[in-house]
């Protein structure tokens, strides 16, 4: 009878604890992780790729992202004739981009830009960008891929003439002698003497003629220009290497 009473008391005690909802120690809530970067893009300019993406502003749960440290960029080479390059992921870490020390990248507004070279013609490349926090925890990744194709020849004969608040540019007509290449036009890029070229051309639409006038500039301030030919090959838009630069100084009375 004593053993039965002890057993019954123990059983009642266990049921009482279960009824109180105490199921063990409370586990701490996991910190939210960054959402995937947006707008991942790879552009071919000459013999290099310009990889860019948007900085995420929120975590995966929609809360504000306040502890973003940077991004890990992974790269994978694949055969463009392969039907399923993602079936065997051999990505390796290409670069770690720290937002507090942008040694290998450049930030313009809410977007990160990074150059990649050492590419081989007729090969494809996949890029996977992973955000990480100050504690080193990875967020959601984003990836894209594109083939690297031989670029068209760069335009030649670029000249720049400074006038009153404008620069007049001209260059030799460029063409790609290969068959199956669609000619698309030109892009003009500008920089100040102490800055790199912007990733954005100054022209809002592709230029169909081999000349351009850049208006609204400051007089007595030097500007440096280059131009690239744009073509479409195998469905991919490619820009040539940059033409040799030309410099001009707008001035009143010219």
C-alpha atoms as a PDB file:
ATOM      1  CA  UNK A   1       0.000   0.000   0.000  1.00  0.00           C
ATOM      2  CA  UNK A   2       2.845   2.382   0.810  1.00  0.00           C
ATOM      3  CA  UNK A   3       4.454   1.774  -2.618  1.00  0.00           C
ATOM      4  CA  UNK A   4       1.116   2.308  -4.349  1.00  0.00           C
ATOM      5  CA  UNK A   5       0.621   5.586  -2.477  1.00  0.00           C
ATOM      6  CA  UNK A   6       4.108   6.805  -3.470  1.00  0.00           C
ATOM      7  CA  UNK A   7       3.516   5.872  -7.109  1.00  0.00           C
ATOM      8  CA  UNK A   8       0.131   7.618  -7.120  1.00  0.00           C
ATOM      9  CA  UNK A   9       1.626  10.757  -5.546  1.00  0.00           C
ATOM     10  CA  UNK A  10       4.432  10.843  -8.140  1.00  0.00           C
ATOM     11  CA  UNK A  11       1.979  10.439 -10.993  1.00  0.00           C
ATOM     12  CA  UNK A  12      -0.232  13.249  -9.699  1.00  0.00           C
ATOM     13  CA  UNK A  13       2.805  15.509  -9.309  1.00  0.00           C
ATOM     14  CA  UNK A  14       3.932  14.864 -12.890  1.00  0.00           C
ATOM     15  CA  UNK A  15       0.450  15.586 -14.240  1.00  0.00           C
ATOM     16  CA  UNK A  16       0.319  18.802 -12.238  1.00  0.00           C
ATOM     17  CA  UNK A  17       3.629  19.949 -13.689  1.00  0.00           C
ATOM     18  CA  UNK A  18       2.465  19.104 -17.190  1.00  0.00           C
ATOM     19  CA  UNK A  19      -0.703  21.087 -16.623  1.00  0.00           C
ATOM     20  CA  UNK A  20       1.334  24.147 -15.661  1.00  0.00           C
ATOM     21  CA  UNK A  21       2.925  24.132 -19.119  1.00  0.00           C
ATOM     22  CA  UNK A  22       6.485  23.815 -17.841  1.00  0.00           C
ATOM     23  CA  UNK A  23       8.199  21.711 -20.490  1.00  0.00           C
ATOM     24  CA  UNK A  24      11.827  22.476 -19.727  1.00  0.00           C
ATOM     25  CA  UNK A  25      14.100  25.509 -19.837  1.00  0.00           C
ATOM     26  CA  UNK A  26      13.106  28.424 -22.076  1.00  0.00           C
ATOM     27  CA  UNK A  27      15.209  28.548 -25.272  1.00  0.00           C
ATOM     28  CA  UNK A  28      16.492  31.995 -26.281  1.00  0.00           C
ATOM     29  CA  UNK A  29      15.022  33.467 -29.456  1.00  0.00           C
ATOM     30  CA  UNK A  30      17.347  33.288 -32.464  1.00  0.00           C
ATOM     31  CA  UNK A  31      18.468  36.603 -33.914  1.00  0.00           C
ATOM     32  CA  UNK A  32      16.972  37.442 -37.332  1.00  0.00           C
ATOM     33  CA  UNK A  33      19.216  36.992 -40.361  1.00  0.00           C
ATOM     34  CA  UNK A  34      19.672  39.371 -43.332  1.00  0.00           C
ATOM     35  CA  UNK A  35      17.414  39.088 -46.345  1.00  0.00           C
ATOM     36  CA  UNK A  36      18.954  38.341 -49.740  1.00  0.00           C
ATOM     37  CA  UNK A  37      20.551  41.238 -51.644  1.00  0.00           C
ATOM     38  CA  UNK A  38      18.451  42.514 -54.530  1.00  0.00           C
ATOM     39  CA  UNK A  39      19.211  43.289 -58.158  1.00  0.00           C
ATOM     40  CA  UNK A  40      22.297  41.087 -58.583  1.00  0.00           C
ATOM     41  CA  UNK A  41      23.725  41.942 -62.014  1.00  0.00           C
ATOM     42  CA  UNK A  42      26.808  40.989 -64.020  1.00  0.00           C
ATOM     43  CA  UNK A  43      27.887  43.229 -66.909  1.00  0.00           C
ATOM     44  CA  UNK A  44      30.774  42.468 -69.255  1.00  0.00           C
ATOM     45  CA  UNK A  45      32.927  45.522 -69.989  1.00  0.00           C
ATOM     46  CA  UNK A  46      35.913  44.540 -72.073  1.00  0.00           C
ATOM     47  CA  UNK A  47      37.758  41.637 -70.495  1.00  0.00           C
ATOM     48  CA  UNK A  48      36.196  42.123 -67.052  1.00  0.00           C
ATOM     49  CA  UNK A  49      32.878  41.565 -65.328  1.00  0.00           C
ATOM     50  CA  UNK A  50      31.284  44.301 -63.251  1.00  0.00           C
ATOM     51  CA  UNK A  51      29.283  42.561 -60.507  1.00  0.00           C
ATOM     52  CA  UNK A  52      26.792  44.681 -58.568  1.00  0.00           C
ATOM     53  CA  UNK A  53      23.952  44.240 -56.090  1.00  0.00           C
ATOM     54  CA  UNK A  54      21.699  46.194 -53.724  1.00  0.00           C
ATOM     55  CA  UNK A  55      22.317  46.365 -49.971  1.00  0.00           C
ATOM     56  CA  UNK A  56      19.352  44.755 -48.154  1.00  0.00           C
ATOM     57  CA  UNK A  57      17.536  46.961 -45.631  1.00  0.00           C
ATOM     58  CA  UNK A  58      15.601  44.262 -43.779  1.00  0.00           C
ATOM     59  CA  UNK A  59      16.026  40.853 -42.233  1.00  0.00           C
ATOM     60  CA  UNK A  60      14.265  37.763 -43.525  1.00  0.00           C
ATOM     61  CA  UNK A  61      11.464  38.302 -41.012  1.00  0.00           C
ATOM     62  CA  UNK A  62      10.888  41.868 -42.243  1.00  0.00           C
ATOM     63  CA  UNK A  63      12.537  43.602 -39.265  1.00  0.00           C
ATOM     64  CA  UNK A  64      15.110  46.379 -39.895  1.00  0.00           C
ATOM     65  CA  UNK A  65      18.605  45.136 -40.675  1.00  0.00           C
ATOM     66  CA  UNK A  66      20.934  46.930 -38.246  1.00  0.00           C
ATOM     67  CA  UNK A  67      23.977  44.652 -37.906  1.00  0.00           C
ATOM     68  CA  UNK A  68      25.050  44.044 -41.510  1.00  0.00           C
ATOM     69  CA  UNK A  69      28.832  43.757 -41.745  1.00  0.00           C
ATOM     70  CA  UNK A  70      29.313  42.912 -45.409  1.00  0.00           C
ATOM     71  CA  UNK A  71      29.058  40.301 -48.126  1.00  0.00           C
ATOM     72  CA  UNK A  72      30.828  37.108 -49.128  1.00  0.00           C
ATOM     73  CA  UNK A  73      31.051  36.674 -52.895  1.00  0.00           C
ATOM     74  CA  UNK A  74      31.490  33.145 -54.255  1.00  0.00           C
ATOM     75  CA  UNK A  75      32.468  32.348 -57.836  1.00  0.00           C
ATOM     76  CA  UNK A  76      32.122  29.193 -59.904  1.00  0.00           C
ATOM     77  CA  UNK A  77      33.344  28.504 -63.429  1.00  0.00           C
ATOM     78  CA  UNK A  78      31.284  26.169 -65.603  1.00  0.00           C
ATOM     79  CA  UNK A  79      31.056  24.882 -69.150  1.00  0.00           C
ATOM     80  CA  UNK A  80      28.487  26.944 -71.079  1.00  0.00           C
ATOM     81  CA  UNK A  81      27.522  23.798 -73.000  1.00  0.00           C
ATOM     82  CA  UNK A  82      26.593  22.059 -69.740  1.00  0.00           C
ATOM     83  CA  UNK A  83      22.846  21.687 -69.306  1.00  0.00           C
ATOM     84  CA  UNK A  84      22.797  21.970 -65.526  1.00  0.00           C
ATOM     85  CA  UNK A  85      25.732  23.971 -64.097  1.00  0.00           C
ATOM     86  CA  UNK A  86      23.981  24.322 -60.724  1.00  0.00           C
ATOM     87  CA  UNK A  87      23.807  20.543 -60.299  1.00  0.00           C
ATOM     88  CA  UNK A  88      27.423  20.510 -59.110  1.00  0.00           C
ATOM     89  CA  UNK A  89      28.253  23.625 -57.112  1.00  0.00           C
ATOM     90  CA  UNK A  90      32.021  24.115 -56.934  1.00  0.00           C
ATOM     91  CA  UNK A  91      31.894  27.753 -55.812  1.00  0.00           C
ATOM     92  CA  UNK A  92      34.895  29.178 -53.973  1.00  0.00           C
ATOM     93  CA  UNK A  93      35.154  32.409 -52.007  1.00  0.00           C
ATOM     94  CA  UNK A  94      36.241  35.106 -54.440  1.00  0.00           C
ATOM     95  CA  UNK A  95      36.115  38.139 -52.173  1.00  0.00           C
ATOM     96  CA  UNK A  96      34.810  39.316 -48.816  1.00  0.00           C
ATOM     97  CA  UNK A  97      33.371  42.826 -48.999  1.00  0.00           C
ATOM     98  CA  UNK A  98      33.413  44.668 -45.672  1.00  0.00           C
ATOM     99  CA  UNK A  99      31.113  47.696 -45.653  1.00  0.00           C
ATOM    100  CA  UNK A 100      33.389  49.494 -43.198  1.00  0.00           C
ATOM    101  CA  UNK A 101      36.469  49.006 -45.392  1.00  0.00           C
ATOM    102  CA  UNK A 102      35.619  48.794 -49.106  1.00  0.00           C
ATOM    103  CA  UNK A 103      39.050  47.728 -50.343  1.00  0.00           C
ATOM    104  CA  UNK A 104      37.809  45.589 -53.242  1.00  0.00           C
ATOM    105  CA  UNK A 105      34.496  47.266 -54.004  1.00  0.00           C
ATOM    106  CA  UNK A 106      32.768  50.601 -54.390  1.00  0.00           C
ATOM    107  CA  UNK A 107      29.462  51.789 -52.984  1.00  0.00           C
ATOM    108  CA  UNK A 108      27.267  54.208 -54.918  1.00  0.00           C
ATOM    109  CA  UNK A 109      24.001  54.953 -53.170  1.00  0.00           C
ATOM    110  CA  UNK A 110      22.481  51.667 -52.056  1.00  0.00           C
ATOM    111  CA  UNK A 111      24.467  49.550 -54.496  1.00  0.00           C
ATOM    112  CA  UNK A 112      27.821  47.741 -54.316  1.00  0.00           C
ATOM    113  CA  UNK A 113      30.065  47.423 -57.397  1.00  0.00           C
ATOM    114  CA  UNK A 114      32.951  44.975 -57.742  1.00  0.00           C
ATOM    115  CA  UNK A 115      35.236  44.148 -60.688  1.00  0.00           C
ATOM    116  CA  UNK A 116      36.301  40.613 -61.559  1.00  0.00           C
ATOM    117  CA  UNK A 117      38.915  39.678 -64.146  1.00  0.00           C
ATOM    118  CA  UNK A 118      40.941  36.622 -65.084  1.00  0.00           C
ATOM    119  CA  UNK A 119      38.048  35.266 -67.152  1.00  0.00           C
ATOM    120  CA  UNK A 120      38.303  32.720 -69.956  1.00  0.00           C
ATOM    121  CA  UNK A 121      36.457  33.039 -73.261  1.00  0.00           C
ATOM    122  CA  UNK A 122      33.575  30.640 -73.928  1.00  0.00           C
ATOM    123  CA  UNK A 123      33.308  29.788 -70.229  1.00  0.00           C
ATOM    124  CA  UNK A 124      30.442  30.621 -67.904  1.00  0.00           C
ATOM    125  CA  UNK A 125      30.683  32.053 -64.397  1.00  0.00           C
ATOM    126  CA  UNK A 126      28.251  31.919 -61.511  1.00  0.00           C
ATOM    127  CA  UNK A 127      28.310  34.456 -58.682  1.00  0.00           C
ATOM    128  CA  UNK A 128      26.662  33.916 -55.320  1.00  0.00           C
ATOM    129  CA  UNK A 129      26.449  36.851 -52.891  1.00  0.00           C
ATOM    130  CA  UNK A 130      25.805  36.127 -49.199  1.00  0.00           C
ATOM    131  CA  UNK A 131      25.274  38.929 -46.642  1.00  0.00           C
ATOM    132  CA  UNK A 132      26.749  38.411 -43.176  1.00  0.00           C
ATOM    133  CA  UNK A 133      26.305  40.107 -39.806  1.00  0.00           C
ATOM    134  CA  UNK A 134      28.822  41.502 -37.327  1.00  0.00           C
ATOM    135  CA  UNK A 135      28.693  38.126 -35.575  1.00  0.00           C
ATOM    136  CA  UNK A 136      29.623  36.400 -38.843  1.00  0.00           C
ATOM    137  CA  UNK A 137      26.224  34.788 -39.376  1.00  0.00           C
ATOM    138  CA  UNK A 138      25.160  34.351 -43.003  1.00  0.00           C
ATOM    139  CA  UNK A 139      21.897  35.648 -44.409  1.00  0.00           C
ATOM    140  CA  UNK A 140      19.946  34.559 -47.459  1.00  0.00           C
ATOM    141  CA  UNK A 141      22.042  34.208 -50.647  1.00  0.00           C
ATOM    142  CA  UNK A 142      21.356  35.386 -54.183  1.00  0.00           C
ATOM    143  CA  UNK A 143      23.061  34.107 -57.316  1.00  0.00           C
ATOM    144  CA  UNK A 144      23.258  34.628 -61.053  1.00  0.00           C
ATOM    145  CA  UNK A 145      25.421  33.433 -63.918  1.00  0.00           C
ATOM    146  CA  UNK A 146      26.418  34.466 -67.417  1.00  0.00           C
ATOM    147  CA  UNK A 147      28.929  33.445 -70.093  1.00  0.00           C
ATOM    148  CA  UNK A 148      32.126  35.334 -70.788  1.00  0.00           C
ATOM    149  CA  UNK A 149      32.502  36.010 -74.515  1.00  0.00           C
ATOM    150  CA  UNK A 150      35.274  37.659 -76.496  1.00  0.00           C
ATOM    151  CA  UNK A 151      34.620  41.428 -76.397  1.00  0.00           C
ATOM    152  CA  UNK A 152      34.481  43.639 -79.496  1.00  0.00           C
ATOM    153  CA  UNK A 153      37.410  45.924 -80.357  1.00  0.00           C
ATOM    154  CA  UNK A 154      37.538  49.249 -78.523  1.00  0.00           C
ATOM    155  CA  UNK A 155      36.737  52.452 -80.411  1.00  0.00           C
ATOM    156  CA  UNK A 156      39.734  54.557 -81.452  1.00  0.00           C
ATOM    157  CA  UNK A 157      40.481  58.168 -82.232  1.00  0.00           C
ATOM    158  CA  UNK A 158      38.582  59.694 -79.303  1.00  0.00           C
ATOM    159  CA  UNK A 159      38.928  63.486 -79.109  1.00  0.00           C
ATOM    160  CA  UNK A 160      37.404  65.930 -76.625  1.00  0.00           C
ATOM    161  CA  UNK A 161      36.994  69.676 -77.153  1.00  0.00           C
ATOM    162  CA  UNK A 162      36.083  71.981 -74.277  1.00  0.00           C
ATOM    163  CA  UNK A 163      33.541  74.747 -74.992  1.00  0.00           C
ATOM    164  CA  UNK A 164      31.401  76.983 -72.788  1.00  0.00           C
ATOM    165  CA  UNK A 165      29.892  74.605 -70.173  1.00  0.00           C
ATOM    166  CA  UNK A 166      30.103  71.633 -72.536  1.00  0.00           C
ATOM    167  CA  UNK A 167      32.523  69.144 -74.057  1.00  0.00           C
ATOM    168  CA  UNK A 168      32.215  67.967 -77.656  1.00  0.00           C
ATOM    169  CA  UNK A 169      33.374  64.385 -78.273  1.00  0.00           C
ATOM    170  CA  UNK A 170      34.042  62.443 -81.454  1.00  0.00           C
ATOM    171  CA  UNK A 171      35.655  59.116 -82.312  1.00  0.00           C
ATOM    172  CA  UNK A 172      36.173  56.750 -85.221  1.00  0.00           C
ATOM    173  CA  UNK A 173      33.330  54.455 -86.242  1.00  0.00           C
ATOM    174  CA  UNK A 174      33.841  51.062 -84.595  1.00  0.00           C
ATOM    175  CA  UNK A 175      32.628  47.677 -85.780  1.00  0.00           C
ATOM    176  CA  UNK A 176      32.973  44.011 -84.856  1.00  0.00           C
ATOM    177  CA  UNK A 177      34.060  41.931 -87.865  1.00  0.00           C
ATOM    178  CA  UNK A 178      32.699  38.662 -86.456  1.00  0.00           C
ATOM    179  CA  UNK A 179      29.586  37.087 -87.924  1.00  0.00           C
ATOM    180  CA  UNK A 180      26.473  36.846 -85.760  1.00  0.00           C
ATOM    181  CA  UNK A 181      27.315  40.019 -83.819  1.00  0.00           C
ATOM    182  CA  UNK A 182      24.586  42.654 -83.527  1.00  0.00           C
ATOM    183  CA  UNK A 183      25.865  46.240 -83.390  1.00  0.00           C
ATOM    184  CA  UNK A 184      24.055  48.243 -80.669  1.00  0.00           C
ATOM    185  CA  UNK A 185      25.842  51.593 -80.400  1.00  0.00           C
ATOM    186  CA  UNK A 186      28.134  53.364 -77.940  1.00  0.00           C
ATOM    187  CA  UNK A 187      28.321  54.402 -74.297  1.00  0.00           C
ATOM    188  CA  UNK A 188      30.325  57.411 -73.082  1.00  0.00           C
ATOM    189  CA  UNK A 189      31.847  57.459 -69.583  1.00  0.00           C
ATOM    190  CA  UNK A 190      33.187  60.465 -67.685  1.00  0.00           C
ATOM    191  CA  UNK A 191      35.308  61.021 -64.590  1.00  0.00           C
ATOM    192  CA  UNK A 192      37.104  63.733 -62.677  1.00  0.00           C
ATOM    193  CA  UNK A 193      40.923  63.570 -62.575  1.00  0.00           C
ATOM    194  CA  UNK A 194      40.969  62.256 -58.976  1.00  0.00           C
ATOM    195  CA  UNK A 195      38.145  59.688 -59.319  1.00  0.00           C
ATOM    196  CA  UNK A 196      37.513  56.399 -61.147  1.00  0.00           C
ATOM    197  CA  UNK A 197      35.051  56.208 -64.014  1.00  0.00           C
ATOM    198  CA  UNK A 198      31.432  55.886 -62.993  1.00  0.00           C
ATOM    199  CA  UNK A 199      29.800  52.513 -63.774  1.00  0.00           C
ATOM    200  CA  UNK A 200      27.011  54.508 -65.439  1.00  0.00           C
ATOM    201  CA  UNK A 201      27.423  56.158 -68.867  1.00  0.00           C
ATOM    202  CA  UNK A 202      26.650  59.862 -69.183  1.00  0.00           C
ATOM    203  CA  UNK A 203      24.315  59.186 -72.115  1.00  0.00           C
ATOM    204  CA  UNK A 204      20.821  58.054 -71.121  1.00  0.00           C
ATOM    205  CA  UNK A 205      20.260  56.144 -74.368  1.00  0.00           C
ATOM    206  CA  UNK A 206      22.672  54.239 -76.576  1.00  0.00           C
ATOM    207  CA  UNK A 207      24.483  56.509 -79.024  1.00  0.00           C
ATOM    208  CA  UNK A 208      24.038  55.548 -82.663  1.00  0.00           C
ATOM    209  CA  UNK A 209      26.515  58.135 -84.003  1.00  0.00           C
ATOM    210  CA  UNK A 210      30.230  58.440 -83.239  1.00  0.00           C
ATOM    211  CA  UNK A 211      29.917  61.825 -81.537  1.00  0.00           C
ATOM    212  CA  UNK A 212      28.402  63.301 -78.383  1.00  0.00           C
ATOM    213  CA  UNK A 213      28.001  66.668 -76.644  1.00  0.00           C
ATOM    214  CA  UNK A 214      28.121  66.654 -72.843  1.00  0.00           C
ATOM    215  CA  UNK A 215      26.178  69.700 -71.586  1.00  0.00           C
ATOM    216  CA  UNK A 216      25.787  71.393 -68.203  1.00  0.00           C
ATOM    217  CA  UNK A 217      29.404  71.147 -67.071  1.00  0.00           C
ATOM    218  CA  UNK A 218      31.418  73.508 -64.887  1.00  0.00           C
ATOM    219  CA  UNK A 219      33.806  75.833 -66.659  1.00  0.00           C
ATOM    220  CA  UNK A 220      37.524  75.763 -65.810  1.00  0.00           C
ATOM    221  CA  UNK A 221      37.234  72.224 -64.471  1.00  0.00           C
ATOM    222  CA  UNK A 222      38.879  69.281 -66.327  1.00  0.00           C
ATOM    223  CA  UNK A 223      36.864  66.235 -67.394  1.00  0.00           C
ATOM    224  CA  UNK A 224      38.193  62.886 -68.642  1.00  0.00           C
ATOM    225  CA  UNK A 225      36.233  60.707 -71.069  1.00  0.00           C
ATOM    226  CA  UNK A 226      36.249  57.260 -72.636  1.00  0.00           C
ATOM    227  CA  UNK A 227      33.839  55.413 -74.903  1.00  0.00           C
ATOM    228  CA  UNK A 228      32.839  51.766 -75.346  1.00  0.00           C
ATOM    229  CA  UNK A 229      31.221  49.928 -78.255  1.00  0.00           C
ATOM    230  CA  UNK A 230      28.137  47.844 -77.413  1.00  0.00           C
ATOM    231  CA  UNK A 231      27.210  44.614 -79.231  1.00  0.00           C
ATOM    232  CA  UNK A 232      24.953  41.611 -78.673  1.00  0.00           C
ATOM    233  CA  UNK A 233      26.473  38.131 -78.987  1.00  0.00           C
ATOM    234  CA  UNK A 234      24.543  34.914 -78.284  1.00  0.00           C
ATOM    235  CA  UNK A 235      21.834  36.995 -76.619  1.00  0.00           C
ATOM    236  CA  UNK A 236      24.324  38.719 -74.298  1.00  0.00           C
ATOM    237  CA  UNK A 237      25.011  42.471 -74.334  1.00  0.00           C
ATOM    238  CA  UNK A 238      28.758  43.126 -74.184  1.00  0.00           C
ATOM    239  CA  UNK A 239      30.697  46.376 -74.068  1.00  0.00           C
ATOM    240  CA  UNK A 240      34.166  46.659 -75.499  1.00  0.00           C
ATOM    241  CA  UNK A 241      37.269  47.653 -73.618  1.00  0.00           C
ATOM    242  CA  UNK A 242      37.495  51.390 -72.980  1.00  0.00           C
ATOM    243  CA  UNK A 243      38.938  53.607 -75.675  1.00  0.00           C
ATOM    244  CA  UNK A 244      42.038  55.632 -74.878  1.00  0.00           C
ATOM    245  CA  UNK A 245      40.934  58.534 -72.707  1.00  0.00           C
ATOM    246  CA  UNK A 246      40.593  62.143 -73.813  1.00  0.00           C
ATOM    247  CA  UNK A 247      40.577  65.196 -71.522  1.00  0.00           C
ATOM    248  CA  UNK A 248      38.932  68.576 -72.000  1.00  0.00           C
ATOM    249  CA  UNK A 249      38.544  71.818 -70.060  1.00  0.00           C
ATOM    250  CA  UNK A 250      35.299  73.765 -70.575  1.00  0.00           C
ATOM    251  CA  UNK A 251      35.773  77.515 -70.432  1.00  0.00           C
ATOM    252  CA  UNK A 252      33.652  80.621 -71.092  1.00  0.00           C
ATOM    253  CA  UNK A 253      33.991  82.314 -74.463  1.00  0.00           C
ATOM    254  CA  UNK A 254      35.014  79.176 -76.324  1.00  0.00           C
END
